[in-house]
Amino acid sequence: MAGAEIRQLLGKNLKRIRLQQGLSQLQLSMKTGLTHNFINDIESGKKWLSSESLEKFAAVLKAEPHHFFIPDSGDASVMKIDPYLINFSDSLQKMAHELQQRYGSNDTAPPPSK
């Protein structure tokens, strides 16, 4: 799956979960402290997000971070998760931390420990 496809998947799932919670982009913006334009750009696949933003979305929308990356199986009532996805959230956070260190982000927090 290419980077653009992953952004599209993230955006589609963010929008789906947001709508399931009955929230507008503006309401989600107010609850997360992220701008409405940023949320719109994420949902349209134009921008990526930090692990901190992903955590905010997950907390407000009462979802696990990996839920934003699961392809739609066509059956919204049944969500099948492969065993390797159990630790997906930790792996994603560690990967984000490594990328932030490599590319000089201001975030110096250590990756979460198990």
N, C-alpha and C. Protein backbone atom coordinates (compact mmCIF):
# COMPACT_ATOMS: atom_id res chain seq x y z
N MET A 1 0.85 -1.17 0.00
CA MET A 1 0.00 0.00 0.00
C MET A 1 0.90 1.23 0.00
N ALA A 2 0.70 2.13 -0.94
CA ALA A 2 1.51 3.35 -1.06
C ALA A 2 1.09 4.39 -0.04
N GLY A 3 1.98 5.37 0.18
CA GLY A 3 1.73 6.41 1.16
C GLY A 3 0.41 7.14 0.94
N ALA A 4 0.11 7.49 -0.30
CA ALA A 4 -1.13 8.19 -0.59
C ALA A 4 -2.35 7.32 -0.26
N GLU A 5 -2.23 6.03 -0.51
CA GLU A 5 -3.34 5.11 -0.19
C GLU A 5 -3.55 5.01 1.32
N ILE A 6 -2.46 5.04 2.07
CA ILE A 6 -2.57 4.98 3.53
C ILE A 6 -3.22 6.25 4.05
N ARG A 7 -2.83 7.40 3.49
CA ARG A 7 -3.47 8.68 3.90
C ARG A 7 -4.97 8.64 3.58
N GLN A 8 -5.33 8.11 2.41
CA GLN A 8 -6.74 8.02 2.03
C GLN A 8 -7.50 7.09 2.98
N LEU A 9 -6.89 5.96 3.33
CA LEU A 9 -7.51 5.01 4.27
C LEU A 9 -7.72 5.67 5.63
N LEU A 10 -6.69 6.34 6.13
CA LEU A 10 -6.80 7.05 7.40
C LEU A 10 -7.92 8.08 7.35
N GLY A 11 -7.95 8.88 6.29
CA GLY A 11 -8.98 9.92 6.17
C GLY A 11 -10.39 9.34 6.10
N LYS A 12 -10.54 8.29 5.33
CA LYS A 12 -11.85 7.65 5.19
C LYS A 12 -12.33 7.09 6.53
N ASN A 13 -11.42 6.43 7.25
CA ASN A 13 -11.80 5.87 8.55
C ASN A 13 -12.04 6.94 9.60
N LEU A 14 -11.24 8.00 9.58
CA LEU A 14 -11.47 9.10 10.51
C LEU A 14 -12.86 9.68 10.30
N LYS A 15 -13.21 9.92 9.05
CA LYS A 15 -14.53 10.48 8.75
C LYS A 15 -15.64 9.52 9.16
N ARG A 16 -15.47 8.24 8.85
CA ARG A 16 -16.50 7.24 9.19
C ARG A 16 -16.71 7.18 10.71
N ILE A 17 -15.62 7.10 11.45
CA ILE A 17 -15.72 7.01 12.91
C ILE A 17 -16.29 8.30 13.49
N ARG A 18 -15.86 9.45 12.95
CA ARG A 18 -16.39 10.74 13.41
C ARG A 18 -17.90 10.81 13.20
N LEU A 19 -18.35 10.40 12.03
CA LEU A 19 -19.79 10.44 11.73
C LEU A 19 -20.56 9.45 12.59
N GLN A 20 -19.97 8.29 12.88
CA GLN A 20 -20.61 7.32 13.77
C GLN A 20 -20.82 7.92 15.17
N GLN A 21 -19.93 8.79 15.57
CA GLN A 21 -20.04 9.45 16.87
C GLN A 21 -20.95 10.68 16.81
N GLY A 22 -21.43 11.00 15.61
CA GLY A 22 -22.34 12.13 15.45
C GLY A 22 -21.67 13.49 15.57
N LEU A 23 -20.40 13.55 15.20
CA LEU A 23 -19.66 14.80 15.32
C LEU A 23 -19.38 15.42 13.96
N SER A 24 -19.47 16.73 13.89
CA SER A 24 -19.04 17.45 12.70
C SER A 24 -17.53 17.66 12.80
N GLN A 25 -16.92 18.09 11.72
CA GLN A 25 -15.50 18.41 11.77
C GLN A 25 -15.23 19.53 12.77
N LEU A 26 -16.11 20.49 12.83
CA LEU A 26 -15.96 21.60 13.77
C LEU A 26 -16.03 21.11 15.21
N GLN A 27 -16.98 20.24 15.51
CA GLN A 27 -17.08 19.69 16.86
C GLN A 27 -15.84 18.88 17.23
N LEU A 28 -15.34 18.07 16.29
CA LEU A 28 -14.13 17.30 16.54
C LEU A 28 -12.95 18.25 16.76
N SER A 29 -12.92 19.32 16.00
CA SER A 29 -11.87 20.32 16.16
C SER A 29 -11.88 20.90 17.57
N MET A 30 -13.04 21.25 18.05
CA MET A 30 -13.16 21.83 19.39
C MET A 30 -12.75 20.83 20.47
N LYS A 31 -13.08 19.56 20.28
CA LYS A 31 -12.78 18.55 21.29
C LYS A 31 -11.30 18.13 21.29
N THR A 32 -10.65 18.21 20.14
CA THR A 32 -9.25 17.79 20.04
C THR A 32 -8.26 18.94 20.15
N GLY A 33 -8.72 20.15 19.90
CA GLY A 33 -7.81 21.29 19.88
C GLY A 33 -7.07 21.41 18.55
N LEU A 34 -7.45 20.60 17.57
CA LEU A 34 -6.87 20.67 16.23
C LEU A 34 -7.76 21.52 15.34
N THR A 35 -7.20 22.16 14.35
CA THR A 35 -8.01 23.05 13.52
C THR A 35 -8.95 22.28 12.60
N HIS A 36 -10.05 22.93 12.28
CA HIS A 36 -11.03 22.37 11.36
C HIS A 36 -10.36 22.09 10.01
N ASN A 37 -9.52 23.01 9.54
CA ASN A 37 -8.84 22.84 8.25
C ASN A 37 -7.91 21.62 8.28
N PHE A 38 -7.22 21.40 9.40
CA PHE A 38 -6.33 20.26 9.52
C PHE A 38 -7.15 18.96 9.45
N ILE A 39 -8.26 18.90 10.16
CA ILE A 39 -9.11 17.71 10.13
C ILE A 39 -9.63 17.47 8.71
N ASN A 40 -10.03 18.52 8.04
CA ASN A 40 -10.49 18.40 6.65
C ASN A 40 -9.38 17.86 5.75
N ASP A 41 -8.15 18.36 5.94
CA ASP A 41 -7.02 17.89 5.14
C ASP A 41 -6.69 16.43 5.43
N ILE A 42 -6.82 16.01 6.67
CA ILE A 42 -6.59 14.60 7.01
C ILE A 42 -7.66 13.73 6.35
N GLU A 43 -8.92 14.13 6.49
CA GLU A 43 -10.02 13.33 5.92
C GLU A 43 -9.96 13.27 4.41
N SER A 44 -9.42 14.28 3.77
CA SER A 44 -9.33 14.27 2.31
C SER A 44 -8.03 13.65 1.81
N GLY A 45 -7.18 13.20 2.74
CA GLY A 45 -5.93 12.54 2.36
C GLY A 45 -4.83 13.48 1.94
N LYS A 46 -4.97 14.78 2.21
CA LYS A 46 -3.96 15.76 1.81
C LYS A 46 -2.80 15.85 2.78
N LYS A 47 -3.05 15.55 4.05
CA LYS A 47 -2.01 15.68 5.07
C LYS A 47 -1.92 14.42 5.90
N TRP A 48 -0.76 14.26 6.53
CA TRP A 48 -0.50 13.19 7.47
C TRP A 48 -0.65 13.76 8.87
N LEU A 49 -0.54 12.94 9.89
CA LEU A 49 -0.70 13.43 11.24
C LEU A 49 0.38 12.86 12.14
N SER A 50 0.59 13.53 13.26
CA SER A 50 1.56 13.06 14.24
C SER A 50 0.91 12.00 15.12
N SER A 51 1.74 11.29 15.87
CA SER A 51 1.19 10.30 16.79
C SER A 51 0.35 11.00 17.86
N GLU A 52 0.72 12.23 18.22
CA GLU A 52 -0.06 12.97 19.21
C GLU A 52 -1.47 13.28 18.70
N SER A 53 -1.57 13.68 17.43
CA SER A 53 -2.88 13.96 16.84
C SER A 53 -3.70 12.68 16.74
N LEU A 54 -3.04 11.58 16.38
CA LEU A 54 -3.73 10.29 16.31
C LEU A 54 -4.28 9.92 17.69
N GLU A 55 -3.50 10.14 18.72
CA GLU A 55 -3.95 9.86 20.09
C GLU A 55 -5.17 10.71 20.44
N LYS A 56 -5.16 11.98 20.04
CA LYS A 56 -6.30 12.87 20.32
C LYS A 56 -7.56 12.37 19.62
N PHE A 57 -7.43 12.01 18.34
CA PHE A 57 -8.59 11.48 17.62
C PHE A 57 -9.12 10.22 18.29
N ALA A 58 -8.21 9.32 18.63
CA ALA A 58 -8.62 8.06 19.25
C ALA A 58 -9.34 8.30 20.57
N ALA A 59 -8.81 9.19 21.39
CA ALA A 59 -9.41 9.46 22.70
C ALA A 59 -10.80 10.08 22.56
N VAL A 60 -10.92 11.08 21.72
CA VAL A 60 -12.21 11.77 21.55
C VAL A 60 -13.24 10.86 20.89
N LEU A 61 -12.81 10.08 19.91
CA LEU A 61 -13.74 9.23 19.17
C LEU A 61 -13.91 7.84 19.78
N LYS A 62 -13.25 7.62 20.92
CA LYS A 62 -13.37 6.34 21.64
C LYS A 62 -13.04 5.17 20.72
N ALA A 63 -11.89 5.29 20.04
CA ALA A 63 -11.43 4.25 19.11
C ALA A 63 -9.98 3.94 19.43
N GLU A 64 -9.56 2.76 19.07
CA GLU A 64 -8.15 2.40 19.18
C GLU A 64 -7.42 3.00 17.98
N PRO A 65 -6.18 3.44 18.16
CA PRO A 65 -5.47 4.06 17.03
C PRO A 65 -5.41 3.19 15.78
N HIS A 66 -5.29 1.88 15.93
CA HIS A 66 -5.21 1.03 14.74
C HIS A 66 -6.51 0.98 13.96
N HIS A 67 -7.62 1.35 14.56
CA HIS A 67 -8.89 1.34 13.84
C HIS A 67 -8.88 2.29 12.64
N PHE A 68 -8.02 3.30 12.68
CA PHE A 68 -7.96 4.27 11.59
C PHE A 68 -7.21 3.72 10.37
N PHE A 69 -6.61 2.54 10.50
CA PHE A 69 -5.80 1.98 9.43
C PHE A 69 -6.30 0.63 8.93
N ILE A 70 -7.48 0.23 9.32
CA ILE A 70 -8.03 -1.05 8.90
C ILE A 70 -8.87 -0.85 7.64
N PRO A 71 -8.51 -1.54 6.56
CA PRO A 71 -9.30 -1.41 5.32
C PRO A 71 -10.74 -1.88 5.53
N ASP A 72 -11.66 -1.25 4.84
CA ASP A 72 -13.07 -1.59 4.93
C ASP A 72 -13.29 -2.95 4.28
N SER A 73 -13.85 -3.86 5.05
CA SER A 73 -14.10 -5.20 4.53
C SER A 73 -15.45 -5.29 3.82
N GLY A 74 -16.19 -4.20 3.82
CA GLY A 74 -17.52 -4.22 3.22
C GLY A 74 -18.60 -4.58 4.22
N ASP A 75 -18.21 -5.07 5.38
CA ASP A 75 -19.16 -5.43 6.42
C ASP A 75 -18.80 -4.65 7.68
N ALA A 76 -19.43 -3.50 7.85
CA ALA A 76 -19.10 -2.62 8.98
C ALA A 76 -19.47 -3.24 10.32
N SER A 77 -20.33 -4.25 10.34
CA SER A 77 -20.75 -4.83 11.61
C SER A 77 -19.74 -5.82 12.17
N VAL A 78 -18.83 -6.28 11.31
CA VAL A 78 -17.83 -7.25 11.74
C VAL A 78 -16.45 -6.69 11.40
N MET A 79 -15.64 -6.51 12.43
CA MET A 79 -14.29 -6.02 12.21
C MET A 79 -13.31 -7.14 12.55
N LYS A 80 -12.67 -7.68 11.54
CA LYS A 80 -11.71 -8.75 11.75
C LYS A 80 -10.33 -8.13 11.83
N ILE A 81 -9.61 -8.45 12.90
CA ILE A 81 -8.28 -7.91 13.10
C ILE A 81 -7.30 -9.06 13.18
N ASP A 82 -6.31 -9.05 12.31
CA ASP A 82 -5.28 -10.09 12.34
C ASP A 82 -4.51 -9.99 13.65
N PRO A 83 -3.98 -11.09 14.13
CA PRO A 83 -3.25 -11.08 15.40
C PRO A 83 -2.11 -10.08 15.46
N TYR A 84 -1.44 -9.82 14.32
CA TYR A 84 -0.32 -8.90 14.34
C TYR A 84 -0.74 -7.46 14.63
N LEU A 85 -2.02 -7.14 14.51
CA LEU A 85 -2.49 -5.78 14.76
C LEU A 85 -2.67 -5.47 16.24
N ILE A 86 -2.57 -6.47 17.10
CA ILE A 86 -2.77 -6.25 18.53
C ILE A 86 -1.81 -5.19 19.05
N ASN A 87 -0.57 -5.23 18.61
CA ASN A 87 0.43 -4.27 19.07
C ASN A 87 0.67 -3.16 18.06
N PHE A 88 -0.25 -2.98 17.13
CA PHE A 88 -0.07 -1.99 16.07
C PHE A 88 0.10 -0.58 16.62
N SER A 89 -0.67 -0.22 17.61
CA SER A 89 -0.59 1.13 18.17
C SER A 89 0.80 1.41 18.72
N ASP A 90 1.35 0.48 19.50
CA ASP A 90 2.71 0.66 20.03
C ASP A 90 3.72 0.76 18.90
N SER A 91 3.59 -0.10 17.91
CA SER A 91 4.52 -0.07 16.79
C SER A 91 4.44 1.23 16.03
N LEU A 92 3.24 1.74 15.80
CA LEU A 92 3.06 2.99 15.10
C LEU A 92 3.66 4.15 15.88
N GLN A 93 3.47 4.17 17.19
CA GLN A 93 4.04 5.23 18.00
C GLN A 93 5.56 5.18 17.99
N LYS A 94 6.14 3.99 18.07
CA LYS A 94 7.60 3.85 18.02
C LYS A 94 8.13 4.31 16.67
N MET A 95 7.44 3.93 15.60
CA MET A 95 7.86 4.33 14.27
C MET A 95 7.80 5.85 14.13
N ALA A 96 6.74 6.46 14.63
CA ALA A 96 6.61 7.91 14.56
C ALA A 96 7.74 8.58 15.34
N HIS A 97 8.06 8.04 16.50
CA HIS A 97 9.14 8.61 17.30
C HIS A 97 10.47 8.52 16.55
N GLU A 98 10.74 7.37 15.94
CA GLU A 98 11.99 7.20 15.19
C GLU A 98 12.06 8.18 14.02
N LEU A 99 10.95 8.38 13.32
CA LEU A 99 10.92 9.34 12.22
C LEU A 99 11.12 10.76 12.71
N GLN A 100 10.51 11.08 13.85
CA GLN A 100 10.69 12.42 14.41
C GLN A 100 12.13 12.66 14.78
N GLN A 101 12.79 11.65 15.34
CA GLN A 101 14.21 11.79 15.69
C GLN A 101 15.06 11.93 14.44
N ARG A 102 14.77 11.12 13.43
CA ARG A 102 15.56 11.13 12.20
C ARG A 102 15.45 12.45 11.47
N TYR A 103 14.25 13.03 11.43
CA TYR A 103 14.03 14.24 10.64
C TYR A 103 13.97 15.51 11.48
N GLY A 104 14.41 15.42 12.73
CA GLY A 104 14.62 16.62 13.53
C GLY A 104 13.38 17.28 14.10
N SER A 105 12.39 16.53 14.46
CA SER A 105 11.20 17.10 15.08
C SER A 105 11.54 17.63 16.46
N ASN A 106 10.72 18.54 16.96
CA ASN A 106 10.90 19.10 18.29
C ASN A 106 10.47 18.13 19.39
N ASP A 107 9.76 17.09 19.04
CA ASP A 107 9.26 16.14 20.03
C ASP A 107 10.40 15.22 20.44
N THR A 108 10.79 15.30 21.72
CA THR A 108 11.89 14.48 22.20
C THR A 108 11.43 13.44 23.20
N ALA A 109 10.15 13.23 23.32
CA ALA A 109 9.62 12.24 24.26
C ALA A 109 10.03 10.85 23.81
N PRO A 110 10.39 9.97 24.76
CA PRO A 110 10.78 8.61 24.39
C PRO A 110 9.56 7.82 23.93
N PRO A 111 9.79 6.76 23.16
CA PRO A 111 8.66 5.94 22.73
C PRO A 111 8.03 5.25 23.94
N PRO A 112 6.74 4.93 23.83
CA PRO A 112 6.06 4.29 24.96
C PRO A 112 6.70 2.93 25.25
N SER A 113 6.77 2.61 26.52
CA SER A 113 7.31 1.30 26.90
C SER A 113 6.17 0.36 27.17
N LYS A 114 6.46 -0.91 27.04
CA LYS A 114 5.41 -1.93 27.26
C LYS A 114 5.32 -2.29 28.70
